[in-house]
Amino acid sequence: MTTATKQHDRITISLPHGYLREIKSLAAELAVSQSELIATAFDAYRQSQKKQKIQEMAQMMADEYCYNSELIALTALDSEDFR
């Protein structure tokens, strides 16, 4: 059986005073490494940013549908029965 090896990049960052203590404490509480905690937090942040962008695009499309005269003309078809 082959075990997949994850590739990791090592970085050095500066954090506000007190963050390290909180990171160590939370990592211990969750029984994960500090690296895993930070990677998980970054993944959650990245996902929230993607979700926000999708919501913004959906709102733009909703606005376009409401205010574009060519699209408004098609609303009469919304309730038609096409059978």
N, C-alpha and C. Protein backbone atom coordinates (compact mmCIF):
# COMPACT_ATOMS: atom_id res chain seq x y z
N MET A 1 0.84 -1.18 0.00
CA MET A 1 0.00 0.00 0.00
C MET A 1 0.88 1.24 0.00
N THR A 2 0.59 2.18 -0.88
CA THR A 2 1.38 3.39 -0.99
C THR A 2 0.71 4.51 -0.21
N THR A 3 1.49 5.20 0.58
CA THR A 3 0.99 6.34 1.34
C THR A 3 1.34 7.61 0.59
N ALA A 4 0.33 8.44 0.35
CA ALA A 4 0.56 9.71 -0.35
C ALA A 4 1.24 10.68 0.61
N THR A 5 2.28 11.31 0.12
CA THR A 5 3.00 12.30 0.91
C THR A 5 2.54 13.69 0.50
N LYS A 6 2.09 14.48 1.46
CA LYS A 6 1.67 15.84 1.16
C LYS A 6 2.89 16.73 1.06
N GLN A 7 2.88 17.60 0.09
CA GLN A 7 3.94 18.58 -0.07
C GLN A 7 3.59 19.79 0.79
N HIS A 8 4.56 20.31 1.48
CA HIS A 8 4.35 21.49 2.30
C HIS A 8 5.40 22.55 1.97
N ASP A 9 5.00 23.79 2.05
CA ASP A 9 5.92 24.91 1.93
C ASP A 9 6.10 25.50 3.32
N ARG A 10 7.30 25.84 3.65
CA ARG A 10 7.59 26.44 4.95
C ARG A 10 7.64 27.96 4.76
N ILE A 11 6.96 28.68 5.65
CA ILE A 11 6.97 30.14 5.59
C ILE A 11 7.27 30.70 6.97
N THR A 12 7.67 31.93 6.98
CA THR A 12 7.88 32.66 8.23
C THR A 12 6.94 33.85 8.20
N ILE A 13 6.16 34.02 9.27
CA ILE A 13 5.23 35.13 9.32
C ILE A 13 5.38 35.85 10.66
N SER A 14 4.91 37.08 10.70
CA SER A 14 4.87 37.85 11.94
C SER A 14 3.40 38.04 12.30
N LEU A 15 3.10 37.79 13.55
CA LEU A 15 1.74 37.93 14.04
C LEU A 15 1.71 38.91 15.20
N PRO A 16 0.58 39.54 15.42
CA PRO A 16 0.47 40.44 16.57
C PRO A 16 0.78 39.71 17.88
N HIS A 17 1.29 40.45 18.84
CA HIS A 17 1.64 39.89 20.15
C HIS A 17 0.42 39.18 20.75
N GLY A 18 0.63 37.99 21.24
CA GLY A 18 -0.44 37.22 21.87
C GLY A 18 -1.04 36.16 20.98
N TYR A 19 -0.89 36.29 19.66
CA TYR A 19 -1.46 35.30 18.75
C TYR A 19 -0.84 33.92 18.96
N LEU A 20 0.48 33.89 19.13
CA LEU A 20 1.16 32.61 19.26
C LEU A 20 0.62 31.83 20.46
N ARG A 21 0.43 32.50 21.57
CA ARG A 21 -0.11 31.84 22.76
C ARG A 21 -1.50 31.27 22.46
N GLU A 22 -2.33 32.04 21.77
CA GLU A 22 -3.68 31.59 21.42
C GLU A 22 -3.63 30.42 20.43
N ILE A 23 -2.73 30.48 19.48
CA ILE A 23 -2.60 29.40 18.49
C ILE A 23 -2.18 28.11 19.17
N LYS A 24 -1.18 28.20 20.04
CA LYS A 24 -0.72 27.02 20.77
C LYS A 24 -1.84 26.44 21.64
N SER A 25 -2.57 27.29 22.31
CA SER A 25 -3.65 26.85 23.19
C SER A 25 -4.77 26.16 22.40
N LEU A 26 -5.18 26.79 21.32
CA LEU A 26 -6.27 26.22 20.52
C LEU A 26 -5.84 24.93 19.84
N ALA A 27 -4.62 24.90 19.33
CA ALA A 27 -4.11 23.68 18.69
C ALA A 27 -4.10 22.52 19.69
N ALA A 28 -3.67 22.79 20.91
CA ALA A 28 -3.65 21.76 21.94
C ALA A 28 -5.07 21.30 22.28
N GLU A 29 -5.97 22.27 22.39
CA GLU A 29 -7.37 21.95 22.70
C GLU A 29 -8.00 21.08 21.62
N LEU A 30 -7.66 21.34 20.37
CA LEU A 30 -8.23 20.59 19.25
C LEU A 30 -7.40 19.36 18.88
N ALA A 31 -6.26 19.19 19.55
CA ALA A 31 -5.35 18.06 19.30
C ALA A 31 -4.88 18.02 17.85
N VAL A 32 -4.48 19.19 17.34
CA VAL A 32 -3.91 19.31 16.01
C VAL A 32 -2.62 20.11 16.12
N SER A 33 -1.81 20.04 15.08
CA SER A 33 -0.58 20.83 15.08
C SER A 33 -0.93 22.30 14.81
N GLN A 34 -0.01 23.17 15.16
CA GLN A 34 -0.20 24.59 14.87
C GLN A 34 -0.34 24.82 13.37
N SER A 35 0.46 24.09 12.60
CA SER A 35 0.39 24.23 11.14
C SER A 35 -0.97 23.81 10.62
N GLU A 36 -1.50 22.70 11.15
CA GLU A 36 -2.82 22.24 10.70
C GLU A 36 -3.90 23.23 11.09
N LEU A 37 -3.80 23.79 12.28
CA LEU A 37 -4.77 24.79 12.73
C LEU A 37 -4.78 26.00 11.81
N ILE A 38 -3.59 26.51 11.50
CA ILE A 38 -3.49 27.69 10.65
C ILE A 38 -3.94 27.37 9.22
N ALA A 39 -3.59 26.20 8.70
CA ALA A 39 -4.01 25.81 7.35
C ALA A 39 -5.54 25.68 7.30
N THR A 40 -6.13 25.10 8.34
CA THR A 40 -7.58 24.96 8.39
C THR A 40 -8.26 26.33 8.46
N ALA A 41 -7.70 27.23 9.25
CA ALA A 41 -8.25 28.58 9.35
C ALA A 41 -8.15 29.30 8.01
N PHE A 42 -7.03 29.13 7.33
CA PHE A 42 -6.86 29.75 6.01
C PHE A 42 -7.86 29.18 5.01
N ASP A 43 -8.05 27.86 5.03
CA ASP A 43 -9.03 27.24 4.13
C ASP A 43 -10.43 27.79 4.38
N ALA A 44 -10.80 27.94 5.65
CA ALA A 44 -12.12 28.48 5.99
C ALA A 44 -12.26 29.92 5.50
N TYR A 45 -11.21 30.71 5.66
CA TYR A 45 -11.23 32.09 5.19
C TYR A 45 -11.36 32.14 3.67
N ARG A 46 -10.58 31.31 2.99
CA ARG A 46 -10.63 31.26 1.52
C ARG A 46 -12.03 30.88 1.04
N GLN A 47 -12.64 29.90 1.69
CA GLN A 47 -14.00 29.49 1.33
C GLN A 47 -15.00 30.61 1.56
N SER A 48 -14.85 31.34 2.67
CA SER A 48 -15.78 32.44 2.95
C SER A 48 -15.63 33.55 1.91
N GLN A 49 -14.41 33.78 1.43
CA GLN A 49 -14.19 34.78 0.39
C GLN A 49 -14.83 34.35 -0.93
N LYS A 50 -14.70 33.06 -1.27
CA LYS A 50 -15.35 32.56 -2.49
C LYS A 50 -16.85 32.70 -2.39
N LYS A 51 -17.41 32.34 -1.23
CA LYS A 51 -18.86 32.45 -1.02
C LYS A 51 -19.31 33.89 -1.16
N GLN A 52 -18.54 34.82 -0.59
CA GLN A 52 -18.89 36.23 -0.67
C GLN A 52 -18.87 36.71 -2.12
N LYS A 53 -17.88 36.29 -2.89
CA LYS A 53 -17.80 36.69 -4.30
C LYS A 53 -18.99 36.14 -5.09
N ILE A 54 -19.37 34.89 -4.80
CA ILE A 54 -20.52 34.30 -5.49
C ILE A 54 -21.80 35.05 -5.13
N GLN A 55 -21.95 35.42 -3.86
CA GLN A 55 -23.12 36.18 -3.44
C GLN A 55 -23.16 37.54 -4.13
N GLU A 56 -22.01 38.19 -4.24
CA GLU A 56 -21.95 39.48 -4.91
C GLU A 56 -22.32 39.35 -6.39
N MET A 57 -21.81 38.30 -7.05
CA MET A 57 -22.15 38.09 -8.46
C MET A 57 -23.63 37.78 -8.63
N ALA A 58 -24.19 36.99 -7.72
CA ALA A 58 -25.61 36.66 -7.79
C ALA A 58 -26.45 37.92 -7.62
N GLN A 59 -26.03 38.80 -6.71
CA GLN A 59 -26.77 40.05 -6.51
C GLN A 59 -26.69 40.93 -7.75
N MET A 60 -25.50 40.97 -8.39
CA MET A 60 -25.35 41.74 -9.62
C MET A 60 -26.27 41.20 -10.70
N MET A 61 -26.36 39.88 -10.80
CA MET A 61 -27.23 39.28 -11.82
C MET A 61 -28.69 39.54 -11.50
N ALA A 62 -29.06 39.49 -10.22
CA ALA A 62 -30.44 39.79 -9.82
C ALA A 62 -30.78 41.23 -10.17
N ASP A 63 -29.85 42.15 -9.89
CA ASP A 63 -30.07 43.56 -10.24
C ASP A 63 -30.21 43.71 -11.75
N GLU A 64 -29.36 43.02 -12.49
CA GLU A 64 -29.42 43.09 -13.96
C GLU A 64 -30.77 42.58 -14.46
N TYR A 65 -31.24 41.50 -13.87
CA TYR A 65 -32.53 40.92 -14.28
C TYR A 65 -33.67 41.89 -13.96
N CYS A 66 -33.57 42.61 -12.87
CA CYS A 66 -34.64 43.54 -12.47
C CYS A 66 -34.64 44.82 -13.29
N TYR A 67 -33.48 45.29 -13.72
CA TYR A 67 -33.38 46.62 -14.33
C TYR A 67 -33.06 46.62 -15.81
N ASN A 68 -32.72 45.50 -16.40
CA ASN A 68 -32.41 45.43 -17.82
C ASN A 68 -33.73 45.28 -18.59
N SER A 69 -34.04 46.27 -19.39
CA SER A 69 -35.35 46.28 -20.08
C SER A 69 -35.53 45.08 -21.00
N GLU A 70 -34.47 44.58 -21.59
CA GLU A 70 -34.59 43.41 -22.46
C GLU A 70 -34.94 42.17 -21.65
N LEU A 71 -34.40 42.06 -20.46
CA LEU A 71 -34.72 40.91 -19.61
C LEU A 71 -36.10 41.05 -18.97
N ILE A 72 -36.46 42.28 -18.63
CA ILE A 72 -37.78 42.50 -18.03
C ILE A 72 -38.87 42.07 -19.00
N ALA A 73 -38.65 42.29 -20.28
CA ALA A 73 -39.63 41.90 -21.29
C ALA A 73 -39.88 40.39 -21.26
N LEU A 74 -38.91 39.61 -20.85
CA LEU A 74 -39.05 38.16 -20.81
C LEU A 74 -39.83 37.67 -19.59
N THR A 75 -40.08 38.54 -18.62
CA THR A 75 -40.78 38.09 -17.41
C THR A 75 -42.20 37.65 -17.72
N ALA A 76 -42.77 38.15 -18.81
CA ALA A 76 -44.11 37.73 -19.20
C ALA A 76 -44.14 36.23 -19.50
N LEU A 77 -43.01 35.68 -19.91
CA LEU A 77 -42.93 34.25 -20.22
C LEU A 77 -42.75 33.39 -18.98
N ASP A 78 -42.39 34.00 -17.86
CA ASP A 78 -42.09 33.24 -16.65
C ASP A 78 -43.24 32.34 -16.20
N SER A 79 -44.45 32.78 -16.40
CA SER A 79 -45.58 31.99 -15.92
C SER A 79 -46.29 31.23 -17.04
N GLU A 80 -45.78 31.28 -18.25
CA GLU A 80 -46.42 30.57 -19.35
C GLU A 80 -46.25 29.06 -19.20
N ASP A 81 -47.26 28.35 -19.63
CA ASP A 81 -47.20 26.90 -19.66
C ASP A 81 -46.73 26.49 -21.05
N PHE A 82 -45.60 25.81 -21.13
CA PHE A 82 -45.01 25.45 -22.42
C PHE A 82 -45.40 24.06 -22.90
N ARG A 83 -46.44 23.48 -22.34
CA ARG A 83 -46.87 22.15 -22.80
C ARG A 83 -47.63 22.20 -24.06
